[in-house]
Amino acid sequence: MSELSPAERDLIARIDPAPMLDQVLAWSAINTGTRNLTGLARQAAALADAFAVLPGDITLEDAGPVDAVAPDGRSIALAHGRSLVLRVRPQANRRFLLTGHMDTVFAEDHPFQTARWLDDQTLNGPGVADMKGGIAVILAALTAFETGPVVGVGYDVLINADEETGSLSSAPLIARLAGGKAAALTFEPSARPDGTLAGARAGSGNYSVVIHGKSAHAGRNPEDGRNAIVAAAGLVLALAELAGPDISVNPAKIEGGSANNVVPDLAIVRFNIRPRAQDAAACFAAALPEAIARIEARHGVHAHVHGGISRPPKPLSEDAERLFHLVRDCGAALGQTIGWQTTGGVCDGNNIAACGVPVVDTMGVRGGAIHSADEFLIVPSLAERAQLAALVLHRLSGGE
């Protein structure tokens, strides 16, 4: 079904783009870098006020514990902001999940803090596309959806505060809310400015390998030392050899060492992997300890690994393909051409798909240059995507 029914035309007519733009401008003026807990608290309060127009109960959920490796090799606890959760008709037999994130990659001291118009349809600003524009789309779509007859369906909305760093603190909450849902929509910006969706996604894992050697004087008795930096360099080369057609391995940083005349006794190798299939992730998990063991034996050091896969690969299941086709058909009814493509990027859609729930995770605005000071939002896409999401929810509610 691609043409709009009279009820669907009424639904689409309820989308008002004016408040959406006002929301994006106001929200993008709040710095919400993932580590800016004060800014995230302000944003969460603003979102709670905005989403209060919808039925249901709003809560701010505490972040789960997350450990990281400090530059000195110690394990430290990282604090994260709270997630906003709206639960509507929790007893309904058929329920959906809509997700977004309030955090950005722009720290409190980053120079990119304000929005400006590039032309009459293009807004440049921090988080305008990724993804405060997407949050505005969620709210507008649900507001329109709720003004019509809604029978027998409910939904949860999750806006978390740590997506840009992997959703490590909110992952248990995502899994809990995804359980039992008929479908999910995540409002990351489109994969391309033309509105193309992200289809299958690679997975992602972040690792820190802490290598302990033995210090010594670099001139008097270097033979008594065990150089952790040299061992780290060997590990980087070994990691590069683990890359293949179904997995990329990106050694990103070596930390450690001290004065030039001291054999370094500590090094940390930080790297990311992107497996395109679960088998590739499993093969890497088996090969990594073997590679580390060889480095330990060769260099007389010992090492321990912190981290792992945080976003599983997201292949397109049959249920997910059906959901993509539904979104495409809704787009066609609205005069929007919707396609999708495989991507190496990751998001909360990976986590949701791992729970067995079909998800389309780029239902947000059209824009581009995200994660940079050139980030932009194509403003007419606010209304376009809100109409699309509202229509998708309407048809899902009818059992499609």
Foldseek 3Di string as FASTA:
>chain_A
DQADDPVLVQLLVQQDLVVLVVQLQVLLLQAQAFQPQVSLVVNLVVLCVLLVVDDFDKDWAAFAWDWDADLVRDIDIGHGYTKIKGWWPPVFLAEEEEEAESHANADPPRPFRHWDDPDPFKIFGTCSQRPSLLSSLVSSLVVSLVVDDFPRYIYMYIYYRCFVVQCPRCLVVLLVRLPPHQAYEAAHAAPALLREFAAWEWFKKKKKKKKFKAKDFQPPCCVVTQARVVLLVQLVVVQCVLDDPFKHKAFDDKHWDDDPGMRTGIIMIIIMMTGQAPVSLVVCVVVNVVSQVVSCVVRVIHIDMDIGTSFHTGHQDPSLVVLQVLLQSNCSNVVRHYHYDHDHDDGCCSSSVVSVHHYGHHLHFRWDPGPDSRTMGRSVRSSVSSSSSSVSVVVVSVVD
